[in-house]
């Protein structure tokens, strides 16, 4: 069900772009940092990814993205006197999703925005006794684009809280993600 929602949102985004006569298509390569907020079974790690952004309507923009995170190792305390802590390998957290961005319609020299997103996330723990999980995530946070050249090349940065409910929405994994990337806007003519 949750995967169906993500697929429907992707299709609506594509249909909106196809109906536009001309629009700037932003292509971005980014890297960043992912930090678990509450859970202690993994540590913070580096993140990288790709994003494609386009204007949808008025102040609304859409962004499709893929990201991958290499999560850091963690230590868990035990009650064993000879081994007071156990080291757990971090694993990976990857995902693809759709962000709704609220910003000025046209790119500006300084371009602040708010981001709301939905994503499908694949968590692959580093230890064999932990099971892989696929979780739907919800994200929100602020961002800022800074014009580097001719309102076509931007330095883009945002920071978001990612919440991934599981166990029938009775608990969730929470991560704080910060990313910085270079975004290039290409004019696309559809008609």
C-alpha atoms as a PDB file:
ATOM      1  CA  UNK A   1       0.000   0.000   0.000  1.00  0.00           C
ATOM      2  CA  UNK A   2       2.698   2.498   0.998  1.00  0.00           C
ATOM      3  CA  UNK A   3       4.795   1.667  -2.080  1.00  0.00           C
ATOM      4  CA  UNK A   4       1.697   2.274  -4.226  1.00  0.00           C
ATOM      5  CA  UNK A   5       1.371   5.795  -2.819  1.00  0.00           C
ATOM      6  CA  UNK A   6       4.988   6.582  -3.744  1.00  0.00           C
ATOM      7  CA  UNK A   7       4.480   5.220  -7.297  1.00  0.00           C
ATOM      8  CA  UNK A   8       1.275   7.258  -7.760  1.00  0.00           C
ATOM      9  CA  UNK A   9       3.066  10.431  -6.628  1.00  0.00           C
ATOM     10  CA  UNK A  10       5.897   9.757  -9.115  1.00  0.00           C
ATOM     11  CA  UNK A  11       3.347   9.360 -11.939  1.00  0.00           C
ATOM     12  CA  UNK A  12       1.534  12.594 -11.008  1.00  0.00           C
ATOM     13  CA  UNK A  13       4.855  14.444 -10.951  1.00  0.00           C
ATOM     14  CA  UNK A  14       5.736  13.152 -14.432  1.00  0.00           C
ATOM     15  CA  UNK A  15       2.281  14.018 -15.813  1.00  0.00           C
ATOM     16  CA  UNK A  16       2.587  17.577 -14.483  1.00  0.00           C
ATOM     17  CA  UNK A  17       5.950  18.029 -16.200  1.00  0.00           C
ATOM     18  CA  UNK A  18       4.646  16.640 -19.491  1.00  0.00           C
ATOM     19  CA  UNK A  19       1.855  19.243 -19.560  1.00  0.00           C
ATOM     20  CA  UNK A  20       4.239  22.219 -19.246  1.00  0.00           C
ATOM     21  CA  UNK A  21       5.422  24.020 -22.414  1.00  0.00           C
ATOM     22  CA  UNK A  22       8.854  25.036 -21.084  1.00  0.00           C
ATOM     23  CA  UNK A  23      10.336  24.453 -17.665  1.00  0.00           C
ATOM     24  CA  UNK A  24      13.785  24.429 -16.082  1.00  0.00           C
ATOM     25  CA  UNK A  25      14.844  20.938 -15.062  1.00  0.00           C
ATOM     26  CA  UNK A  26      17.346  20.958 -12.208  1.00  0.00           C
ATOM     27  CA  UNK A  27      19.794  18.064 -12.030  1.00  0.00           C
ATOM     28  CA  UNK A  28      21.762  17.766  -8.776  1.00  0.00           C
ATOM     29  CA  UNK A  29      24.576  15.667  -7.380  1.00  0.00           C
ATOM     30  CA  UNK A  30      24.808  15.891  -3.588  1.00  0.00           C
ATOM     31  CA  UNK A  31      26.599  14.525  -0.563  1.00  0.00           C
ATOM     32  CA  UNK A  32      25.908  14.943   3.104  1.00  0.00           C
ATOM     33  CA  UNK A  33      25.603  13.453   6.539  1.00  0.00           C
ATOM     34  CA  UNK A  34      22.982  11.176   8.098  1.00  0.00           C
ATOM     35  CA  UNK A  35      22.630  10.964  11.879  1.00  0.00           C
ATOM     36  CA  UNK A  36      20.237   8.675  13.804  1.00  0.00           C
ATOM     37  CA  UNK A  37      18.275  10.731  16.351  1.00  0.00           C
ATOM     38  CA  UNK A  38      16.978   8.189  18.891  1.00  0.00           C
ATOM     39  CA  UNK A  39      17.972   4.645  17.904  1.00  0.00           C
ATOM     40  CA  UNK A  40      21.450   3.483  18.924  1.00  0.00           C
ATOM     41  CA  UNK A  41      21.822   0.348  16.785  1.00  0.00           C
ATOM     42  CA  UNK A  42      23.646   2.330  14.062  1.00  0.00           C
ATOM     43  CA  UNK A  43      25.890   5.384  14.001  1.00  0.00           C
ATOM     44  CA  UNK A  44      26.092   8.483  11.817  1.00  0.00           C
ATOM     45  CA  UNK A  45      27.531   8.194   8.329  1.00  0.00           C
ATOM     46  CA  UNK A  46      28.151   9.782   4.944  1.00  0.00           C
ATOM     47  CA  UNK A  47      25.376  10.177   2.379  1.00  0.00           C
ATOM     48  CA  UNK A  48      25.423  10.784  -1.380  1.00  0.00           C
ATOM     49  CA  UNK A  49      22.788  10.910  -4.095  1.00  0.00           C
ATOM     50  CA  UNK A  50      21.184  12.336  -7.219  1.00  0.00           C
ATOM     51  CA  UNK A  51      18.105  14.559  -7.551  1.00  0.00           C
ATOM     52  CA  UNK A  52      15.970  15.976 -10.378  1.00  0.00           C
ATOM     53  CA  UNK A  53      13.853  19.056  -9.644  1.00  0.00           C
ATOM     54  CA  UNK A  54      11.211  20.848 -11.706  1.00  0.00           C
ATOM     55  CA  UNK A  55       8.571  23.537 -11.231  1.00  0.00           C
ATOM     56  CA  UNK A  56       5.048  22.114 -10.888  1.00  0.00           C
ATOM     57  CA  UNK A  57       2.647  25.030 -10.274  1.00  0.00           C
ATOM     58  CA  UNK A  58       2.841  28.461  -8.603  1.00  0.00           C
ATOM     59  CA  UNK A  59       5.195  28.192  -5.608  1.00  0.00           C
ATOM     60  CA  UNK A  60       5.274  24.362  -5.794  1.00  0.00           C
ATOM     61  CA  UNK A  61       8.201  22.379  -7.188  1.00  0.00           C
ATOM     62  CA  UNK A  62       8.740  18.633  -7.291  1.00  0.00           C
ATOM     63  CA  UNK A  63      11.966  16.726  -6.744  1.00  0.00           C
ATOM     64  CA  UNK A  64      12.694  13.056  -7.431  1.00  0.00           C
ATOM     65  CA  UNK A  65      15.784  11.722  -5.707  1.00  0.00           C
ATOM     66  CA  UNK A  66      17.888   8.701  -4.843  1.00  0.00           C
ATOM     67  CA  UNK A  67      20.239   8.646  -1.848  1.00  0.00           C
ATOM     68  CA  UNK A  68      22.492   6.110  -0.199  1.00  0.00           C
ATOM     69  CA  UNK A  69      23.981   6.276   3.288  1.00  0.00           C
ATOM     70  CA  UNK A  70      26.791   4.268   4.782  1.00  0.00           C
ATOM     71  CA  UNK A  71      25.793   4.104   8.441  1.00  0.00           C
ATOM     72  CA  UNK A  72      28.460   4.084  11.127  1.00  0.00           C
ATOM     73  CA  UNK A  73      29.220   1.313  13.580  1.00  0.00           C
ATOM     74  CA  UNK A  74      27.673   1.414  17.046  1.00  0.00           C
ATOM     75  CA  UNK A  75      28.330  -0.059  20.484  1.00  0.00           C
ATOM     76  CA  UNK A  76      25.683  -1.649  22.671  1.00  0.00           C
ATOM     77  CA  UNK A  77      26.186  -2.131  26.416  1.00  0.00           C
ATOM     78  CA  UNK A  78      25.822  -5.651  27.809  1.00  0.00           C
ATOM     79  CA  UNK A  79      25.553  -7.216  31.263  1.00  0.00           C
ATOM     80  CA  UNK A  80      28.484  -9.550  30.555  1.00  0.00           C
ATOM     81  CA  UNK A  81      31.403  -8.676  32.890  1.00  0.00           C
ATOM     82  CA  UNK A  82      34.091  -9.899  30.457  1.00  0.00           C
ATOM     83  CA  UNK A  83      32.614  -8.027  27.491  1.00  0.00           C
ATOM     84  CA  UNK A  84      30.779  -4.856  28.648  1.00  0.00           C
ATOM     85  CA  UNK A  85      29.936  -3.728  25.091  1.00  0.00           C
ATOM     86  CA  UNK A  86      29.323  -5.250  21.665  1.00  0.00           C
ATOM     87  CA  UNK A  87      30.315  -3.543  18.419  1.00  0.00           C
ATOM     88  CA  UNK A  88      27.650  -3.653  15.672  1.00  0.00           C
ATOM     89  CA  UNK A  89      28.494  -2.934  12.023  1.00  0.00           C
ATOM     90  CA  UNK A  90      26.474  -0.021  10.632  1.00  0.00           C
ATOM     91  CA  UNK A  91      25.139  -1.252   7.285  1.00  0.00           C
ATOM     92  CA  UNK A  92      23.403   0.950   4.704  1.00  0.00           C
ATOM     93  CA  UNK A  93      20.253   3.040   4.374  1.00  0.00           C
ATOM     94  CA  UNK A  94      19.217   3.797   0.802  1.00  0.00           C
ATOM     95  CA  UNK A  95      16.048   5.332  -0.536  1.00  0.00           C
ATOM     96  CA  UNK A  96      14.221   6.977  -3.389  1.00  0.00           C
ATOM     97  CA  UNK A  97      11.472   9.491  -3.009  1.00  0.00           C
ATOM     98  CA  UNK A  98       9.536  12.562  -4.006  1.00  0.00           C
ATOM     99  CA  UNK A  99       9.853  15.953  -2.323  1.00  0.00           C
ATOM    100  CA  UNK A 100       7.337  18.769  -2.587  1.00  0.00           C
ATOM    101  CA  UNK A 101       9.256  22.038  -2.396  1.00  0.00           C
ATOM    102  CA  UNK A 102       7.620  25.381  -1.597  1.00  0.00           C
ATOM    103  CA  UNK A 103       9.716  28.227  -3.026  1.00  0.00           C
ATOM    104  CA  UNK A 104       9.603  31.185  -5.407  1.00  0.00           C
ATOM    105  CA  UNK A 105       8.412  30.148  -8.852  1.00  0.00           C
ATOM    106  CA  UNK A 106      11.571  31.284 -10.659  1.00  0.00           C
ATOM    107  CA  UNK A 107      15.131  30.630  -9.452  1.00  0.00           C
ATOM    108  CA  UNK A 108      16.482  33.663  -7.544  1.00  0.00           C
ATOM    109  CA  UNK A 109      19.982  34.699  -6.474  1.00  0.00           C
ATOM    110  CA  UNK A 110      19.201  33.454  -2.959  1.00  0.00           C
ATOM    111  CA  UNK A 111      16.412  30.876  -3.108  1.00  0.00           C
ATOM    112  CA  UNK A 112      15.049  29.698   0.294  1.00  0.00           C
ATOM    113  CA  UNK A 113      12.533  26.858   0.381  1.00  0.00           C
ATOM    114  CA  UNK A 114      10.611  24.409   2.567  1.00  0.00           C
ATOM    115  CA  UNK A 115      10.631  20.705   1.765  1.00  0.00           C
ATOM    116  CA  UNK A 116       8.047  17.972   2.481  1.00  0.00           C
ATOM    117  CA  UNK A 117       8.732  14.474   1.217  1.00  0.00           C
ATOM    118  CA  UNK A 118       7.749  10.828   1.053  1.00  0.00           C
ATOM    119  CA  UNK A 119      10.254   8.047   0.373  1.00  0.00           C
ATOM    120  CA  UNK A 120      10.737   4.302   0.209  1.00  0.00           C
ATOM    121  CA  UNK A 121      13.782   3.320   2.287  1.00  0.00           C
ATOM    122  CA  UNK A 122      15.792   0.105   2.370  1.00  0.00           C
ATOM    123  CA  UNK A 123      17.672  -0.564   5.613  1.00  0.00           C
ATOM    124  CA  UNK A 124      20.371  -3.265   5.371  1.00  0.00           C
ATOM    125  CA  UNK A 125      22.040  -3.804   8.753  1.00  0.00           C
ATOM    126  CA  UNK A 126      25.710  -4.723   8.880  1.00  0.00           C
ATOM    127  CA  UNK A 127      25.160  -7.753  11.138  1.00  0.00           C
ATOM    128  CA  UNK A 128      23.773 -11.032   9.801  1.00  0.00           C
ATOM    129  CA  UNK A 129      21.423 -11.594  12.751  1.00  0.00           C
ATOM    130  CA  UNK A 130      19.533  -8.342  12.001  1.00  0.00           C
ATOM    131  CA  UNK A 131      16.936  -8.446   9.238  1.00  0.00           C
ATOM    132  CA  UNK A 132      16.635  -6.101   6.246  1.00  0.00           C
ATOM    133  CA  UNK A 133      13.684  -3.702   6.313  1.00  0.00           C
ATOM    134  CA  UNK A 134      11.819  -1.603   3.757  1.00  0.00           C
ATOM    135  CA  UNK A 135      10.183   1.417   5.371  1.00  0.00           C
ATOM    136  CA  UNK A 136       8.129   4.316   4.049  1.00  0.00           C
ATOM    137  CA  UNK A 137       9.565   7.601   5.289  1.00  0.00           C
ATOM    138  CA  UNK A 138       8.284  11.140   5.716  1.00  0.00           C
ATOM    139  CA  UNK A 139      10.682  14.090   5.688  1.00  0.00           C
ATOM    140  CA  UNK A 140      10.468  17.834   6.241  1.00  0.00           C
ATOM    141  CA  UNK A 141      12.863  20.734   6.665  1.00  0.00           C
ATOM    142  CA  UNK A 142      14.289  23.992   5.259  1.00  0.00           C
ATOM    143  CA  UNK A 143      16.676  24.507   2.355  1.00  0.00           C
ATOM    144  CA  UNK A 144      18.550  27.219   0.503  1.00  0.00           C
ATOM    145  CA  UNK A 145      19.810  27.613  -3.054  1.00  0.00           C
ATOM    146  CA  UNK A 146      22.583  30.111  -3.824  1.00  0.00           C
ATOM    147  CA  UNK A 147      23.171  31.238  -7.402  1.00  0.00           C
ATOM    148  CA  UNK A 148      26.715  30.463  -8.566  1.00  0.00           C
ATOM    149  CA  UNK A 149      26.348  31.305 -12.262  1.00  0.00           C
ATOM    150  CA  UNK A 150      23.632  32.934 -14.399  1.00  0.00           C
ATOM    151  CA  UNK A 151      20.727  31.443 -12.372  1.00  0.00           C
ATOM    152  CA  UNK A 152      21.519  28.092 -13.946  1.00  0.00           C
ATOM    153  CA  UNK A 153      24.148  26.719 -11.558  1.00  0.00           C
ATOM    154  CA  UNK A 154      23.311  26.626  -7.836  1.00  0.00           C
ATOM    155  CA  UNK A 155      24.832  25.575  -4.571  1.00  0.00           C
ATOM    156  CA  UNK A 156      21.929  23.788  -2.870  1.00  0.00           C
ATOM    157  CA  UNK A 157      21.756  22.848   0.820  1.00  0.00           C
ATOM    158  CA  UNK A 158      18.994  21.471   3.011  1.00  0.00           C
ATOM    159  CA  UNK A 159      18.529  19.751   6.318  1.00  0.00           C
ATOM    160  CA  UNK A 160      15.610  17.432   7.041  1.00  0.00           C
ATOM    161  CA  UNK A 161      14.155  15.154   9.677  1.00  0.00           C
ATOM    162  CA  UNK A 162      13.367  11.703   8.242  1.00  0.00           C
ATOM    163  CA  UNK A 163      10.757   9.652  10.139  1.00  0.00           C
ATOM    164  CA  UNK A 164      10.193   6.007   9.134  1.00  0.00           C
ATOM    165  CA  UNK A 165       7.273   4.380  11.030  1.00  0.00           C
ATOM    166  CA  UNK A 166       7.243   0.608  11.561  1.00  0.00           C
ATOM    167  CA  UNK A 167       5.493  -2.029  13.750  1.00  0.00           C
ATOM    168  CA  UNK A 168       2.024  -0.848  12.720  1.00  0.00           C
ATOM    169  CA  UNK A 169       2.995   2.823  13.285  1.00  0.00           C
ATOM    170  CA  UNK A 170       3.608   2.225  17.014  1.00  0.00           C
ATOM    171  CA  UNK A 171       7.281   3.203  16.736  1.00  0.00           C
ATOM    172  CA  UNK A 172       9.617   4.740  14.173  1.00  0.00           C
ATOM    173  CA  UNK A 173      13.216   5.198  13.123  1.00  0.00           C
ATOM    174  CA  UNK A 174      14.273   8.841  13.064  1.00  0.00           C
ATOM    175  CA  UNK A 175      17.252  10.298  11.217  1.00  0.00           C
ATOM    176  CA  UNK A 176      18.527  13.838  10.731  1.00  0.00           C
ATOM    177  CA  UNK A 177      19.954  14.362   7.242  1.00  0.00           C
ATOM    178  CA  UNK A 178      21.944  17.328   5.942  1.00  0.00           C
ATOM    179  CA  UNK A 179      22.985  17.545   2.311  1.00  0.00           C
ATOM    180  CA  UNK A 180      24.929  19.952   0.090  1.00  0.00           C
ATOM    181  CA  UNK A 181      24.994  19.686  -3.693  1.00  0.00           C
ATOM    182  CA  UNK A 182      25.580  21.366  -7.015  1.00  0.00           C
ATOM    183  CA  UNK A 183      22.442  21.800  -9.104  1.00  0.00           C
ATOM    184  CA  UNK A 184      22.299  22.722 -12.801  1.00  0.00           C
ATOM    185  CA  UNK A 185      19.053  23.916 -14.422  1.00  0.00           C
ATOM    186  CA  UNK A 186      18.427  22.890 -18.042  1.00  0.00           C
ATOM    187  CA  UNK A 187      15.573  24.529 -20.047  1.00  0.00           C
ATOM    188  CA  UNK A 188      13.284  21.760 -21.368  1.00  0.00           C
ATOM    189  CA  UNK A 189      10.759  22.354 -24.197  1.00  0.00           C
ATOM    190  CA  UNK A 190       7.865  19.884 -24.316  1.00  0.00           C
ATOM    191  CA  UNK A 191       5.597  21.518 -26.906  1.00  0.00           C
END
